[in-house]
Amino acid sequence: DLEADCRCSGDQLHEIPRNISGNVRRLTIAEAAVTSLPADSLQPFSSSLTDFAMTNVRQLTEIEPGVFFNLTELRTIYIHRAPQLRHIAPTLFAVELRSLKI
């Protein structure tokens, strides 16, 4: 299988694109106008995603519980420069992430 790194950026980006390869290993969302990360937004990559990053997402206000559900290969989650994200639900990480490094 072909592995892919995907970096999506720009102020026209309001959500995680759904038209990218399902074999994405590393997904970076940067300098984007994303305001919310819905629970199903990463599911197209559930069997392949190892690294997820969001940086300079200044309008991000919410990460829905369940967004990391069933991401069996996920190792790293990096969220940086998201000043409007002021609350993370206690249940956000109430999922089994066997590969996550803390």
PDB file of N, CA and C in Angstrom:
ATOM      1  N   ASP A   1       0.827  -1.189   0.000  1.00  0.00           N
ATOM      2  CA  ASP A   1       0.000   0.000   0.000  1.00  0.00           C
ATOM      3  C   ASP A   1       0.870   1.251   0.000  1.00  0.00           C
ATOM      4  N   LEU A   2       0.405   2.246  -0.696  1.00  0.00           N
ATOM      5  CA  LEU A   2       1.093   3.524  -0.751  1.00  0.00           C
ATOM      6  C   LEU A   2       0.782   4.316   0.511  1.00  0.00           C
ATOM      7  N   GLU A   3       1.832   4.804   1.170  1.00  0.00           N
ATOM      8  CA  GLU A   3       1.644   5.639   2.347  1.00  0.00           C
ATOM      9  C   GLU A   3       1.729   7.090   1.921  1.00  0.00           C
ATOM     10  N   ALA A   4       1.008   7.955   2.614  1.00  0.00           N
ATOM     11  CA  ALA A   4       1.006   9.357   2.231  1.00  0.00           C
ATOM     12  C   ALA A   4       1.103  10.256   3.450  1.00  0.00           C
ATOM     13  N   ASP A   5       1.806  11.365   3.256  1.00  0.00           N
ATOM     14  CA  ASP A   5       1.801  12.471   4.201  1.00  0.00           C
ATOM     15  C   ASP A   5       0.931  13.533   3.558  1.00  0.00           C
ATOM     16  N   CYS A   6       0.108  14.185   4.331  1.00  0.00           N
ATOM     17  CA  CYS A   6      -0.763  15.201   3.767  1.00  0.00           C
ATOM     18  C   CYS A   6      -0.711  16.440   4.642  1.00  0.00           C
ATOM     19  N   ARG A   7      -0.413  17.563   4.022  1.00  0.00           N
ATOM     20  CA  ARG A   7      -0.438  18.850   4.712  1.00  0.00           C
ATOM     21  C   ARG A   7      -1.482  19.708   4.012  1.00  0.00           C
ATOM     22  N   CYS A   8      -2.493  20.096   4.749  1.00  0.00           N
ATOM     23  CA  CYS A   8      -3.572  20.924   4.213  1.00  0.00           C
ATOM     24  C   CYS A   8      -3.518  22.271   4.921  1.00  0.00           C
ATOM     25  N   SER A   9      -3.538  23.345   4.158  1.00  0.00           N
ATOM     26  CA  SER A   9      -3.440  24.657   4.787  1.00  0.00           C
ATOM     27  C   SER A   9      -4.190  25.704   3.979  1.00  0.00           C
ATOM     28  N   GLY A  10      -4.404  26.841   4.614  1.00  0.00           N
ATOM     29  CA  GLY A  10      -5.031  27.976   3.956  1.00  0.00           C
ATOM     30  C   GLY A  10      -6.298  28.417   4.644  1.00  0.00           C
ATOM     31  N   ASP A  11      -6.578  29.731   4.581  1.00  0.00           N
ATOM     32  CA  ASP A  11      -7.761  30.229   5.271  1.00  0.00           C
ATOM     33  C   ASP A  11      -9.065  29.886   4.569  1.00  0.00           C
ATOM     34  N   GLN A  12      -8.999  29.201   3.442  1.00  0.00           N
ATOM     35  CA  GLN A  12     -10.220  28.701   2.800  1.00  0.00           C
ATOM     36  C   GLN A  12     -10.575  27.294   3.302  1.00  0.00           C
ATOM     37  N   LEU A  13      -9.695  26.718   4.115  1.00  0.00           N
ATOM     38  CA  LEU A  13      -9.905  25.364   4.635  1.00  0.00           C
ATOM     39  C   LEU A  13     -10.721  25.445   5.927  1.00  0.00           C
ATOM     40  N   HIS A  14     -11.980  24.993   5.861  1.00  0.00           N
ATOM     41  CA  HIS A  14     -12.884  25.083   7.004  1.00  0.00           C
ATOM     42  C   HIS A  14     -13.158  23.733   7.658  1.00  0.00           C
ATOM     43  N   GLU A  15     -12.689  22.655   7.043  1.00  0.00           N
ATOM     44  CA  GLU A  15     -12.896  21.315   7.611  1.00  0.00           C
ATOM     45  C   GLU A  15     -11.817  20.376   7.084  1.00  0.00           C
ATOM     46  N   ILE A  16     -11.718  19.209   7.705  1.00  0.00           N
ATOM     47  CA  ILE A  16     -10.774  18.195   7.235  1.00  0.00           C
ATOM     48  C   ILE A  16     -11.262  17.722   5.870  1.00  0.00           C
ATOM     49  N   PRO A  17     -10.433  17.823   4.845  1.00  0.00           N
ATOM     50  CA  PRO A  17     -10.867  17.382   3.511  1.00  0.00           C
ATOM     51  C   PRO A  17     -11.193  15.890   3.496  1.00  0.00           C
ATOM     52  N   ARG A  18     -12.241  15.536   2.801  1.00  0.00           N
ATOM     53  CA  ARG A  18     -12.657  14.135   2.704  1.00  0.00           C
ATOM     54  C   ARG A  18     -12.238  13.511   1.383  1.00  0.00           C
ATOM     55  N   ASN A  19     -11.636  14.304   0.526  1.00  0.00           N
ATOM     56  CA  ASN A  19     -11.274  13.798  -0.801  1.00  0.00           C
ATOM     57  C   ASN A  19      -9.793  13.453  -0.908  1.00  0.00           C
ATOM     58  N   ILE A  20      -9.162  13.159   0.228  1.00  0.00           N
ATOM     59  CA  ILE A  20      -7.757  12.756   0.188  1.00  0.00           C
ATOM     60  C   ILE A  20      -7.654  11.260   0.463  1.00  0.00           C
ATOM     61  N   SER A  21      -6.530  10.700   0.118  1.00  0.00           N
ATOM     62  CA  SER A  21      -6.307   9.260   0.210  1.00  0.00           C
ATOM     63  C   SER A  21      -6.616   8.713   1.599  1.00  0.00           C
ATOM     64  N   GLY A  22      -7.216   7.555   1.631  1.00  0.00           N
ATOM     65  CA  GLY A  22      -7.479   6.881   2.892  1.00  0.00           C
ATOM     66  C   GLY A  22      -6.236   6.280   3.514  1.00  0.00           C
ATOM     67  N   ASN A  23      -5.109   6.305   2.798  1.00  0.00           N
ATOM     68  CA  ASN A  23      -3.857   5.741   3.309  1.00  0.00           C
ATOM     69  C   ASN A  23      -2.954   6.793   3.936  1.00  0.00           C
ATOM     70  N   VAL A  24      -3.517   7.905   4.347  1.00  0.00           N
ATOM     71  CA  VAL A  24      -2.722   8.976   4.950  1.00  0.00           C
ATOM     72  C   VAL A  24      -2.163   8.506   6.286  1.00  0.00           C
ATOM     73  N   ARG A  25      -0.844   8.598   6.436  1.00  0.00           N
ATOM     74  CA  ARG A  25      -0.179   8.237   7.698  1.00  0.00           C
ATOM     75  C   ARG A  25      -0.023   9.469   8.587  1.00  0.00           C
ATOM     76  N   ARG A  26       0.406  10.567   7.980  1.00  0.00           N
ATOM     77  CA  ARG A  26       0.634  11.800   8.728  1.00  0.00           C
ATOM     78  C   ARG A  26      -0.227  12.907   8.121  1.00  0.00           C
ATOM     79  N   LEU A  27      -1.097  13.481   8.946  1.00  0.00           N
ATOM     80  CA  LEU A  27      -1.999  14.536   8.493  1.00  0.00           C
ATOM     81  C   LEU A  27      -1.736  15.790   9.305  1.00  0.00           C
ATOM     82  N   THR A  28      -1.429  16.879   8.599  1.00  0.00           N
ATOM     83  CA  THR A  28      -1.193  18.169   9.238  1.00  0.00           C
ATOM     84  C   THR A  28      -2.185  19.180   8.687  1.00  0.00           C
ATOM     85  N   ILE A  29      -2.860  19.865   9.578  1.00  0.00           N
ATOM     86  CA  ILE A  29      -3.752  20.965   9.222  1.00  0.00           C
ATOM     87  C   ILE A  29      -3.089  22.219   9.776  1.00  0.00           C
ATOM     88  N   ALA A  30      -2.774  23.177   8.905  1.00  0.00           N
ATOM     89  CA  ALA A  30      -2.025  24.356   9.342  1.00  0.00           C
ATOM     90  C   ALA A  30      -2.597  25.629   8.727  1.00  0.00           C
ATOM     91  N   GLU A  31      -2.486  26.719   9.488  1.00  0.00           N
ATOM     92  CA  GLU A  31      -2.939  28.024   9.006  1.00  0.00           C
ATOM     93  C   GLU A  31      -4.321  27.916   8.359  1.00  0.00           C
ATOM     94  N   ALA A  32      -5.226  27.221   9.021  1.00  0.00           N
ATOM     95  CA  ALA A  32      -6.546  26.947   8.453  1.00  0.00           C
ATOM     96  C   ALA A  32      -7.643  27.640   9.258  1.00  0.00           C
ATOM     97  N   ALA A  33      -8.817  27.754   8.649  1.00  0.00           N
ATOM     98  CA  ALA A  33      -9.970  28.396   9.277  1.00  0.00           C
ATOM     99  C   ALA A  33     -10.916  27.370   9.902  1.00  0.00           C
ATOM    100  N   VAL A  34     -10.397  26.221  10.250  1.00  0.00           N
ATOM    101  CA  VAL A  34     -11.204  25.167  10.875  1.00  0.00           C
ATOM    102  C   VAL A  34     -11.677  25.668  12.244  1.00  0.00           C
ATOM    103  N   THR A  35     -12.980  25.577  12.498  1.00  0.00           N
ATOM    104  CA  THR A  35     -13.515  26.013  13.787  1.00  0.00           C
ATOM    105  C   THR A  35     -13.867  24.839  14.697  1.00  0.00           C
ATOM    106  N   SER A  36     -14.116  23.679  14.091  1.00  0.00           N
ATOM    107  CA  SER A  36     -14.528  22.508  14.857  1.00  0.00           C
ATOM    108  C   SER A  36     -13.939  21.251  14.227  1.00  0.00           C
ATOM    109  N   LEU A  37     -13.642  20.292  15.066  1.00  0.00           N
ATOM    110  CA  LEU A  37     -13.179  18.987  14.600  1.00  0.00           C
ATOM    111  C   LEU A  37     -14.281  17.987  14.965  1.00  0.00           C
ATOM    112  N   PRO A  38     -15.222  17.722  14.029  1.00  0.00           N
ATOM    113  CA  PRO A  38     -16.337  16.817  14.315  1.00  0.00           C
ATOM    114  C   PRO A  38     -15.870  15.391  14.597  1.00  0.00           C
ATOM    115  N   ALA A  39     -16.693  14.658  15.310  1.00  0.00           N
ATOM    116  CA  ALA A  39     -16.339  13.306  15.737  1.00  0.00           C
ATOM    117  C   ALA A  39     -15.966  12.381  14.584  1.00  0.00           C
ATOM    118  N   ASP A  40     -16.549  12.564  13.420  1.00  0.00           N
ATOM    119  CA  ASP A  40     -16.275  11.652  12.301  1.00  0.00           C
ATOM    120  C   ASP A  40     -15.200  12.148  11.337  1.00  0.00           C
ATOM    121  N   SER A  41     -14.567  13.265  11.633  1.00  0.00           N
ATOM    122  CA  SER A  41     -13.671  13.893  10.657  1.00  0.00           C
ATOM    123  C   SER A  41     -12.396  13.111  10.348  1.00  0.00           C
ATOM    124  N   LEU A  42     -11.938  12.257  11.255  1.00  0.00           N
ATOM    125  CA  LEU A  42     -10.712  11.491  11.002  1.00  0.00           C
ATOM    126  C   LEU A  42     -10.991  10.033  10.653  1.00  0.00           C
ATOM    127  N   GLN A  43     -12.249   9.635  10.652  1.00  0.00           N
ATOM    128  CA  GLN A  43     -12.586   8.231  10.405  1.00  0.00           C
ATOM    129  C   GLN A  43     -12.155   7.695   9.045  1.00  0.00           C
ATOM    130  N   PRO A  44     -12.096   8.516   7.981  1.00  0.00           N
ATOM    131  CA  PRO A  44     -11.604   7.969   6.706  1.00  0.00           C
ATOM    132  C   PRO A  44     -10.167   7.437   6.797  1.00  0.00           C
ATOM    133  N   PHE A  45      -9.443   7.845   7.844  1.00  0.00           N
ATOM    134  CA  PHE A  45      -8.040   7.453   8.003  1.00  0.00           C
ATOM    135  C   PHE A  45      -7.849   6.504   9.184  1.00  0.00           C
ATOM    136  N   SER A  46      -8.921   5.863   9.630  1.00  0.00           N
ATOM    137  CA  SER A  46      -8.882   5.085  10.873  1.00  0.00           C
ATOM    138  C   SER A  46      -7.866   3.956  10.874  1.00  0.00           C
ATOM    139  N   SER A  47      -7.591   3.357   9.740  1.00  0.00           N
ATOM    140  CA  SER A  47      -6.658   2.229   9.736  1.00  0.00           C
ATOM    141  C   SER A  47      -5.232   2.623   9.373  1.00  0.00           C
ATOM    142  N   SER A  48      -4.991   3.901   9.053  1.00  0.00           N
ATOM    143  CA  SER A  48      -3.650   4.277   8.603  1.00  0.00           C
ATOM    144  C   SER A  48      -3.017   5.432   9.371  1.00  0.00           C
ATOM    145  N   LEU A  49      -3.811   6.327   9.955  1.00  0.00           N
ATOM    146  CA  LEU A  49      -3.266   7.555  10.535  1.00  0.00           C
ATOM    147  C   LEU A  49      -2.383   7.263  11.746  1.00  0.00           C
ATOM    148  N   THR A  50      -1.118   7.705  11.676  1.00  0.00           N
ATOM    149  CA  THR A  50      -0.202   7.532  12.804  1.00  0.00           C
ATOM    150  C   THR A  50       0.094   8.848  13.508  1.00  0.00           C
ATOM    151  N   ASP A  51       0.066   9.950  12.770  1.00  0.00           N
ATOM    152  CA  ASP A  51       0.413  11.248  13.344  1.00  0.00           C
ATOM    153  C   ASP A  51      -0.590  12.300  12.876  1.00  0.00           C
ATOM    154  N   PHE A  52      -1.147  13.036  13.835  1.00  0.00           N
ATOM    155  CA  PHE A  52      -2.114  14.078  13.515  1.00  0.00           C
ATOM    156  C   PHE A  52      -1.668  15.374  14.155  1.00  0.00           C
ATOM    157  N   ALA A  53      -1.607  16.443  13.360  1.00  0.00           N
ATOM    158  CA  ALA A  53      -1.178  17.742  13.875  1.00  0.00           C
ATOM    159  C   ALA A  53      -2.094  18.843  13.372  1.00  0.00           C
ATOM    160  N   MET A  54      -2.355  19.784  14.252  1.00  0.00           N
ATOM    161  CA  MET A  54      -3.051  21.015  13.879  1.00  0.00           C
ATOM    162  C   MET A  54      -2.227  22.158  14.444  1.00  0.00           C
ATOM    163  N   THR A  55      -1.841  23.092  13.586  1.00  0.00           N
ATOM    164  CA  THR A  55      -1.044  24.218  14.050  1.00  0.00           C
ATOM    165  C   THR A  55      -1.519  25.506  13.388  1.00  0.00           C
ATOM    166  N   ASN A  56      -1.470  26.570  14.158  1.00  0.00           N
ATOM    167  CA  ASN A  56      -1.964  27.866  13.687  1.00  0.00           C
ATOM    168  C   ASN A  56      -3.412  27.775  13.216  1.00  0.00           C
ATOM    169  N   VAL A  57      -4.220  27.120  14.013  1.00  0.00           N
ATOM    170  CA  VAL A  57      -5.659  27.026  13.745  1.00  0.00           C
ATOM    171  C   VAL A  57      -6.352  27.958  14.746  1.00  0.00           C
ATOM    172  N   ARG A  58      -6.216  29.228  14.485  1.00  0.00           N
ATOM    173  CA  ARG A  58      -6.616  30.261  15.442  1.00  0.00           C
ATOM    174  C   ARG A  58      -8.119  30.360  15.676  1.00  0.00           C
ATOM    175  N   GLN A  59      -8.918  29.742  14.803  1.00  0.00           N
ATOM    176  CA  GLN A  59     -10.376  29.792  14.973  1.00  0.00           C
ATOM    177  C   GLN A  59     -10.946  28.497  15.562  1.00  0.00           C
ATOM    178  N   LEU A  60     -10.099  27.513  15.814  1.00  0.00           N
ATOM    179  CA  LEU A  60     -10.573  26.237  16.362  1.00  0.00           C
ATOM    180  C   LEU A  60     -11.125  26.446  17.768  1.00  0.00           C
ATOM    181  N   THR A  61     -12.389  26.096  17.963  1.00  0.00           N
ATOM    182  CA  THR A  61     -13.018  26.254  19.273  1.00  0.00           C
ATOM    183  C   THR A  61     -13.444  24.930  19.894  1.00  0.00           C
ATOM    184  N   GLU A  62     -13.547  23.877  19.074  1.00  0.00           N
ATOM    185  CA  GLU A  62     -14.105  22.630  19.594  1.00  0.00           C
ATOM    186  C   GLU A  62     -13.476  21.406  18.938  1.00  0.00           C
ATOM    187  N   ILE A  63     -13.198  20.412  19.774  1.00  0.00           N
ATOM    188  CA  ILE A  63     -12.818  19.081  19.301  1.00  0.00           C
ATOM    189  C   ILE A  63     -13.847  18.136  19.907  1.00  0.00           C
ATOM    190  N   GLU A  64     -14.677  17.557  19.060  1.00  0.00           N
ATOM    191  CA  GLU A  64     -15.764  16.714  19.560  1.00  0.00           C
ATOM    192  C   GLU A  64     -15.242  15.389  20.114  1.00  0.00           C
ATOM    193  N   PRO A  65     -15.807  14.947  21.241  1.00  0.00           N
ATOM    194  CA  PRO A  65     -15.471  13.617  21.749  1.00  0.00           C
ATOM    195  C   PRO A  65     -15.773  12.578  20.676  1.00  0.00           C
ATOM    196  N   GLY A  66     -14.926  11.586  20.579  1.00  0.00           N
ATOM    197  CA  GLY A  66     -15.097  10.539  19.583  1.00  0.00           C
ATOM    198  C   GLY A  66     -14.232  10.729  18.355  1.00  0.00           C
ATOM    199  N   VAL A  67     -13.606  11.905  18.227  1.00  0.00           N
ATOM    200  CA  VAL A  67     -12.803  12.165  17.027  1.00  0.00           C
ATOM    201  C   VAL A  67     -11.627  11.194  16.905  1.00  0.00           C
ATOM    202  N   PHE A  68     -11.117  10.700  18.026  1.00  0.00           N
ATOM    203  CA  PHE A  68      -9.981   9.777  17.980  1.00  0.00           C
ATOM    204  C   PHE A  68     -10.413   8.313  18.097  1.00  0.00           C
ATOM    205  N   PHE A  69     -11.712   8.069  18.107  1.00  0.00           N
ATOM    206  CA  PHE A  69     -12.240   6.709  18.218  1.00  0.00           C
ATOM    207  C   PHE A  69     -11.819   5.864  17.017  1.00  0.00           C
ATOM    208  N   ASN A  70     -11.368   4.661  17.294  1.00  0.00           N
ATOM    209  CA  ASN A  70     -11.030   3.678  16.264  1.00  0.00           C
ATOM    210  C   ASN A  70      -9.803   4.043  15.421  1.00  0.00           C
ATOM    211  N   LEU A  71      -8.981   4.972  15.892  1.00  0.00           N
ATOM    212  CA  LEU A  71      -7.736   5.293  15.180  1.00  0.00           C
ATOM    213  C   LEU A  71      -6.650   4.394  15.763  1.00  0.00           C
ATOM    214  N   THR A  72      -6.649   3.160  15.332  1.00  0.00           N
ATOM    215  CA  THR A  72      -5.843   2.120  15.964  1.00  0.00           C
ATOM    216  C   THR A  72      -4.343   2.319  15.821  1.00  0.00           C
ATOM    217  N   GLU A  73      -3.892   3.067  14.828  1.00  0.00           N
ATOM    218  CA  GLU A  73      -2.459   3.264  14.609  1.00  0.00           C
ATOM    219  C   GLU A  73      -1.947   4.604  15.127  1.00  0.00           C
ATOM    220  N   LEU A  74      -2.815   5.448  15.672  1.00  0.00           N
ATOM    221  CA  LEU A  74      -2.432   6.801  16.065  1.00  0.00           C
ATOM    222  C   LEU A  74      -1.359   6.787  17.149  1.00  0.00           C
ATOM    223  N   ARG A  75      -0.235   7.467  16.866  1.00  0.00           N
ATOM    224  CA  ARG A  75       0.888   7.552  17.808  1.00  0.00           C
ATOM    225  C   ARG A  75       1.015   8.935  18.415  1.00  0.00           C
ATOM    226  N   THR A  76       0.788   9.978  17.612  1.00  0.00           N
ATOM    227  CA  THR A  76       0.980  11.332  18.127  1.00  0.00           C
ATOM    228  C   THR A  76      -0.189  12.237  17.754  1.00  0.00           C
ATOM    229  N   ILE A  77      -0.514  13.120  18.693  1.00  0.00           N
ATOM    230  CA  ILE A  77      -1.507  14.171  18.493  1.00  0.00           C
ATOM    231  C   ILE A  77      -0.813  15.465  18.895  1.00  0.00           C
ATOM    232  N   TYR A  78      -0.765  16.415  17.984  1.00  0.00           N
ATOM    233  CA  TYR A  78      -0.084  17.683  18.247  1.00  0.00           C
ATOM    234  C   TYR A  78      -1.025  18.816  17.867  1.00  0.00           C
ATOM    235  N   ILE A  79      -1.409  19.618  18.838  1.00  0.00           N
ATOM    236  CA  ILE A  79      -2.262  20.778  18.579  1.00  0.00           C
ATOM    237  C   ILE A  79      -1.540  21.989  19.156  1.00  0.00           C
ATOM    238  N   HIS A  80      -1.254  22.963  18.285  1.00  0.00           N
ATOM    239  CA  HIS A  80      -0.424  24.102  18.666  1.00  0.00           C
ATOM    240  C   HIS A  80      -1.008  25.380  18.069  1.00  0.00           C
ATOM    241  N   ARG A  81      -0.977  26.428  18.837  1.00  0.00           N
ATOM    242  CA  ARG A  81      -1.493  27.727  18.401  1.00  0.00           C
ATOM    243  C   ARG A  81      -2.960  27.644  17.994  1.00  0.00           C
ATOM    244  N   ALA A  82      -3.746  27.236  18.968  1.00  0.00           N
ATOM    245  CA  ALA A  82      -5.205  27.192  18.823  1.00  0.00           C
ATOM    246  C   ALA A  82      -5.786  27.977  20.002  1.00  0.00           C
ATOM    247  N   PRO A  83      -5.628  29.311  19.993  1.00  0.00           N
ATOM    248  CA  PRO A  83      -5.968  30.116  21.171  1.00  0.00           C
ATOM    249  C   PRO A  83      -7.450  30.127  21.544  1.00  0.00           C
ATOM    250  N   GLN A  84      -8.343  29.805  20.625  1.00  0.00           N
ATOM    251  CA  GLN A  84      -9.776  29.791  20.931  1.00  0.00           C
ATOM    252  C   GLN A  84     -10.230  28.458  21.535  1.00  0.00           C
ATOM    253  N   LEU A  85      -9.357  27.460  21.506  1.00  0.00           N
ATOM    254  CA  LEU A  85      -9.679  26.149  22.082  1.00  0.00           C
ATOM    255  C   LEU A  85      -9.410  26.226  23.579  1.00  0.00           C
ATOM    256  N   ARG A  86     -10.461  26.442  24.333  1.00  0.00           N
ATOM    257  CA  ARG A  86     -10.299  26.684  25.762  1.00  0.00           C
ATOM    258  C   ARG A  86     -10.792  25.542  26.632  1.00  0.00           C
ATOM    259  N   HIS A  87     -11.444  24.567  26.012  1.00  0.00           N
ATOM    260  CA  HIS A  87     -11.998  23.456  26.787  1.00  0.00           C
ATOM    261  C   HIS A  87     -11.842  22.164  25.988  1.00  0.00           C
ATOM    262  N   ILE A  88     -11.367  21.143  26.654  1.00  0.00           N
ATOM    263  CA  ILE A  88     -11.294  19.812  26.058  1.00  0.00           C
ATOM    264  C   ILE A  88     -12.125  18.897  26.951  1.00  0.00           C
ATOM    265  N   ALA A  89     -13.120  18.277  26.361  1.00  0.00           N
ATOM    266  CA  ALA A  89     -14.016  17.397  27.125  1.00  0.00           C
ATOM    267  C   ALA A  89     -13.227  16.259  27.759  1.00  0.00           C
ATOM    268  N   PRO A  90     -13.536  15.915  28.999  1.00  0.00           N
ATOM    269  CA  PRO A  90     -12.834  14.820  29.666  1.00  0.00           C
ATOM    270  C   PRO A  90     -12.942  13.502  28.904  1.00  0.00           C
ATOM    271  N   THR A  91     -13.994  13.345  28.115  1.00  0.00           N
ATOM    272  CA  THR A  91     -14.195  12.100  27.373  1.00  0.00           C
ATOM    273  C   THR A  91     -13.457  12.075  26.033  1.00  0.00           C
ATOM    274  N   LEU A  92     -12.767  13.164  25.687  1.00  0.00           N
ATOM    275  CA  LEU A  92     -12.086  13.223  24.388  1.00  0.00           C
ATOM    276  C   LEU A  92     -11.107  12.066  24.213  1.00  0.00           C
ATOM    277  N   PHE A  93     -10.390  11.740  25.273  1.00  0.00           N
ATOM    278  CA  PHE A  93      -9.397  10.672  25.188  1.00  0.00           C
ATOM    279  C   PHE A  93      -9.875   9.382  25.852  1.00  0.00           C
ATOM    280  N   ALA A  94     -11.177   9.257  26.056  1.00  0.00           N
ATOM    281  CA  ALA A  94     -11.743   8.042  26.642  1.00  0.00           C
ATOM    282  C   ALA A  94     -11.945   6.993  25.551  1.00  0.00           C
ATOM    283  N   VAL A  95     -10.871   6.736  24.839  1.00  0.00           N
ATOM    284  CA  VAL A  95     -10.873   5.741  23.764  1.00  0.00           C
ATOM    285  C   VAL A  95      -9.592   4.934  23.884  1.00  0.00           C
ATOM    286  N   GLU A  96      -9.571   3.787  23.274  1.00  0.00           N
ATOM    287  CA  GLU A  96      -8.366   2.963  23.299  1.00  0.00           C
ATOM    288  C   GLU A  96      -7.448   3.389  22.164  1.00  0.00           C
ATOM    289  N   LEU A  97      -6.295   3.922  22.531  1.00  0.00           N
ATOM    290  CA  LEU A  97      -5.278   4.333  21.561  1.00  0.00           C
ATOM    291  C   LEU A  97      -4.009   3.557  21.899  1.00  0.00           C
ATOM    292  N   ARG A  98      -3.959   2.324  21.459  1.00  0.00           N
ATOM    293  CA  ARG A  98      -2.868   1.410  21.826  1.00  0.00           C
ATOM    294  C   ARG A  98      -1.492   1.920  21.445  1.00  0.00           C
ATOM    295  N   SER A  99      -1.387   2.638  20.339  1.00  0.00           N
ATOM    296  CA  SER A  99      -0.078   3.053  19.841  1.00  0.00           C
ATOM    297  C   SER A  99       0.339   4.437  20.309  1.00  0.00           C
ATOM    298  N   LEU A 100      -0.555   5.168  21.012  1.00  0.00           N
ATOM    299  CA  LEU A 100      -0.262   6.541  21.408  1.00  0.00           C
ATOM    300  C   LEU A 100       0.911   6.594  22.369  1.00  0.00           C
ATOM    301  N   LYS A 101       1.852   7.481  22.081  1.00  0.00           N
ATOM    302  CA  LYS A 101       3.019   7.692  22.943  1.00  0.00           C
ATOM    303  C   LYS A 101       2.759   8.927  23.802  1.00  0.00           C
ATOM    304  N   ILE A 102       2.933   8.770  25.104  1.00  0.00           N
ATOM    305  CA  ILE A 102       2.720   9.901  26.015  1.00  0.00           C
ATOM    306  C   ILE A 102       4.039  10.244  26.678  1.00  0.00           C
TER     307      ILE A 102
END
